[in-house]
Amino acid sequence: MGMPESSPASVTIRPYRRVDLAACQKLYKEGLLGGKIAENDTGMDIDDIEHAYMHSPGSHFWVAVNEHNEVVGMIGVQHHDENIGEIRRLRVRVDQRRRGIGSKLIEKAVEFCNKKGYLKVALDTFVDRDPAIKLFEKFHFHHARTRQVVGKDMLYFYLDLYEGDKPAQQ
C-alpha cells in the first residue's frame, strides 16, 4: 500500500535563479541513491546550473518554491539530440513529497518541450525509484529500455509529443 496523498502543496514553479544554487545542490545530494553519485553521472550540471541549463539554447531549469520562498523541488530540461528534450534532476524535498509538486514540475518541463517544438521528451531513472516511475507513467511516458548501470537497472522513458501524447490533467 502506498502512502495517502497529503494535501496539495501551494508552490510556485519559477525559473532558476543564481540564489537557488545551494538549495538545488542540497536537493540533488539528498536524492542520490546510497548518498553517492552514480558511475553514469558527474553531477557537473548541478555545480553550474546557470551554464548547463540557463545559458544553453533549448535548455532550462525551474524550481518549486513554497509560501516561505524555500526551494522544495527542481527540474531541468537539456537539449542534446535533435528534437529531443531530456528531463533531468527532478527532485522534491523529502518532507514535501506526495503533494503534487513532482507533477507540477513535470508539467512545466513538458510544456517547455512542446513550446520548443521537440518531438520527444526523454528521461531515465533507477528501478528502485518507484514513486518517480509511477509519476512518469501517470504522464504517459513509455518505458523504452532498461540497462545495467553499476549493478542496478536504469530505466529509460520517453514521451512522444508529435503523436499527440499529452500529460494527464490533474
Protein backbone atom coordinates (compact mmCIF):
# COMPACT_ATOMS: atom_id res chain seq x y z
CA MET A 1 0.00 0.00 0.00
CA GLY A 2 1.26 3.47 -0.85
CA MET A 3 1.09 6.38 1.49
CA PRO A 4 -2.02 8.52 1.18
CA GLU A 5 -1.51 11.75 -0.70
CA SER A 6 -1.01 14.73 1.56
CA SER A 7 -2.86 17.93 0.94
CA PRO A 8 -1.75 19.59 -2.28
CA ALA A 9 1.22 21.87 -1.80
CA SER A 10 0.87 25.50 -2.64
CA VAL A 11 4.04 26.03 -4.63
CA THR A 12 5.14 28.32 -7.39
CA ILE A 13 7.20 26.95 -10.26
CA ARG A 14 9.61 29.61 -11.48
CA PRO A 15 12.83 29.78 -13.49
CA TYR A 16 16.02 29.02 -11.60
CA ARG A 17 17.95 31.98 -10.16
CA ARG A 18 21.57 32.04 -9.06
CA VAL A 19 20.47 32.39 -5.41
CA ASP A 20 18.82 28.94 -5.67
CA LEU A 21 22.12 27.12 -6.26
CA ALA A 22 22.83 25.96 -2.68
CA ALA A 23 19.24 24.72 -2.20
CA CYS A 24 19.36 22.85 -5.55
CA GLN A 25 22.70 21.27 -4.69
CA LYS A 26 21.26 20.13 -1.34
CA LEU A 27 18.18 18.63 -3.05
CA TYR A 28 20.44 16.89 -5.54
CA LYS A 29 22.60 15.34 -2.82
CA GLU A 30 19.58 14.27 -0.74
CA GLY A 31 18.20 12.45 -3.78
CA LEU A 32 21.31 10.40 -4.54
CA LEU A 33 20.76 6.68 -4.09
CA GLY A 34 23.01 5.49 -1.30
CA GLY A 35 24.24 9.07 -0.92
CA LYS A 36 26.71 8.90 -3.79
CA ILE A 37 26.81 9.89 -7.44
CA ALA A 38 26.23 7.01 -9.85
CA GLU A 39 29.03 6.00 -12.20
CA ASN A 40 27.00 7.20 -15.19
CA ASP A 41 26.77 10.71 -13.73
CA THR A 42 29.17 13.51 -12.92
CA GLY A 43 26.86 15.99 -11.23
CA MET A 44 28.72 18.75 -13.07
CA ASP A 45 25.48 20.33 -14.28
CA ILE A 46 24.45 20.85 -10.65
CA ASP A 47 27.76 22.59 -9.93
CA ASP A 48 26.91 25.17 -12.60
CA ILE A 49 23.16 25.14 -13.31
CA GLU A 50 23.46 28.59 -14.86
CA HIS A 51 25.80 27.37 -17.58
CA ALA A 52 24.32 23.87 -18.04
CA TYR A 53 20.70 24.98 -18.36
CA MET A 54 20.09 28.72 -18.37
CA HIS A 55 22.71 29.77 -20.95
CA SER A 56 22.21 26.82 -23.23
CA PRO A 57 19.65 27.28 -26.02
CA GLY A 58 16.81 24.80 -25.78
CA SER A 59 17.56 24.00 -22.14
CA HIS A 60 16.02 25.40 -18.95
CA PHE A 61 15.81 24.80 -15.18
CA TRP A 62 12.98 25.51 -12.76
CA VAL A 63 12.48 25.41 -9.03
CA ALA A 64 9.34 24.89 -6.97
CA VAL A 65 9.18 27.33 -4.07
CA ASN A 66 6.75 27.18 -1.17
CA GLU A 67 4.95 30.05 0.56
CA HIS A 68 8.13 30.71 2.63
CA ASN A 69 10.14 31.05 -0.59
CA GLU A 70 12.07 27.84 0.17
CA VAL A 71 13.13 25.68 -2.76
CA VAL A 72 11.22 22.41 -2.31
CA GLY A 73 11.65 20.94 -5.80
CA MET A 74 13.54 21.29 -9.06
CA ILE A 75 13.65 20.03 -12.62
CA GLY A 76 15.73 20.71 -15.70
CA VAL A 77 15.43 20.12 -19.42
CA GLN A 78 18.52 19.74 -21.55
CA HIS A 79 18.62 19.69 -25.33
CA HIS A 80 21.25 17.23 -26.54
CA ASP A 81 19.77 15.40 -29.50
CA GLU A 82 17.81 16.99 -32.34
CA ASN A 83 14.11 17.35 -31.48
CA ILE A 84 14.53 15.77 -28.03
CA GLY A 85 14.31 17.42 -24.64
CA GLU A 86 15.77 15.42 -21.77
CA ILE A 87 14.24 15.85 -18.32
CA ARG A 88 16.95 15.84 -15.68
CA ARG A 89 17.37 16.38 -11.97
CA LEU A 90 13.74 16.01 -10.92
CA ARG A 91 13.81 16.28 -7.14
CA VAL A 92 11.25 17.06 -4.46
CA ARG A 93 12.28 17.64 -0.86
CA VAL A 94 11.54 14.56 1.26
CA ASP A 95 9.05 16.30 3.56
CA GLN A 96 7.16 17.71 0.56
CA ARG A 97 6.63 14.54 -1.47
CA ARG A 98 3.23 13.14 -2.49
CA ARG A 99 1.72 16.61 -2.67
CA GLY A 100 1.67 17.16 -6.44
CA ILE A 101 4.95 19.09 -6.68
CA GLY A 102 6.59 16.49 -8.94
CA SER A 103 3.54 16.59 -11.22
CA LYS A 104 3.70 20.39 -11.47
CA LEU A 105 7.40 20.21 -12.30
CA ILE A 106 6.87 17.55 -15.00
CA GLU A 107 4.01 19.61 -16.48
CA LYS A 108 6.29 22.67 -16.69
CA ALA A 109 9.09 20.68 -18.37
CA VAL A 110 6.77 19.01 -20.91
CA GLU A 111 5.11 22.36 -21.67
CA PHE A 112 8.58 23.85 -22.31
CA CYS A 113 9.45 20.94 -24.65
CA ASN A 114 6.17 21.45 -26.52
CA LYS A 115 6.89 25.17 -26.96
CA LYS A 116 10.39 24.37 -28.22
CA GLY A 117 8.88 22.08 -30.83
CA TYR A 118 10.61 18.96 -29.56
CA LEU A 119 9.16 15.73 -30.90
CA LYS A 120 10.13 13.69 -27.87
CA VAL A 121 10.83 14.07 -24.15
CA ALA A 122 13.28 11.56 -22.65
CA LEU A 123 14.31 10.75 -19.10
CA ASP A 124 15.85 7.95 -17.09
CA THR A 125 15.71 6.70 -13.53
CA PHE A 126 16.83 3.77 -11.45
CA VAL A 127 14.39 0.92 -10.96
CA ASP A 128 14.29 1.48 -7.19
CA ARG A 129 12.69 4.90 -7.62
CA ASP A 130 9.17 3.53 -7.64
CA PRO A 131 7.33 6.83 -6.89
CA ALA A 132 9.15 8.51 -9.78
CA ILE A 133 8.28 5.66 -12.15
CA LYS A 134 4.60 5.90 -11.17
CA LEU A 135 4.73 9.65 -11.83
CA PHE A 136 6.21 9.14 -15.31
CA GLU A 137 3.57 6.54 -16.13
CA LYS A 138 0.84 8.94 -14.97
CA PHE A 139 2.11 11.37 -17.61
CA HIS A 140 2.05 8.62 -20.28
CA PHE A 141 5.81 8.21 -20.56
CA HIS A 142 6.66 4.90 -22.22
CA HIS A 143 9.38 2.56 -20.96
CA ALA A 144 11.88 2.31 -23.81
CA ARG A 145 14.65 0.12 -22.44
CA THR A 146 16.49 -1.00 -19.35
CA ARG A 147 20.22 -1.33 -18.95
CA GLN A 148 22.57 -2.19 -16.12
CA VAL A 149 24.46 0.71 -14.56
CA VAL A 150 26.71 -0.23 -11.64
CA GLY A 151 24.70 -3.37 -10.98
CA LYS A 152 21.35 -1.57 -10.91
CA ASP A 153 18.65 -1.38 -13.54
CA MET A 154 18.42 2.04 -15.20
CA LEU A 155 15.05 2.56 -16.91
CA TYR A 156 14.74 4.85 -19.92
CA PHE A 157 11.41 6.52 -20.65
CA TYR A 158 10.13 8.74 -23.43
CA LEU A 159 7.04 10.74 -24.31
CA ASP A 160 6.19 11.30 -27.98
CA LEU A 161 4.94 14.86 -28.39
CA TYR A 162 4.31 14.56 -32.12
CA GLU A 163 1.79 11.75 -31.64
CA GLY A 164 -0.37 13.97 -29.54
CA ASP A 165 0.62 12.31 -26.26
CA LYS A 166 -0.39 14.85 -23.68
CA PRO A 167 0.22 14.70 -19.96
CA ALA A 168 -2.78 13.66 -17.88
CA GLN A 169 -4.52 16.62 -16.36
CA GLN A 170 -4.90 16.77 -12.62
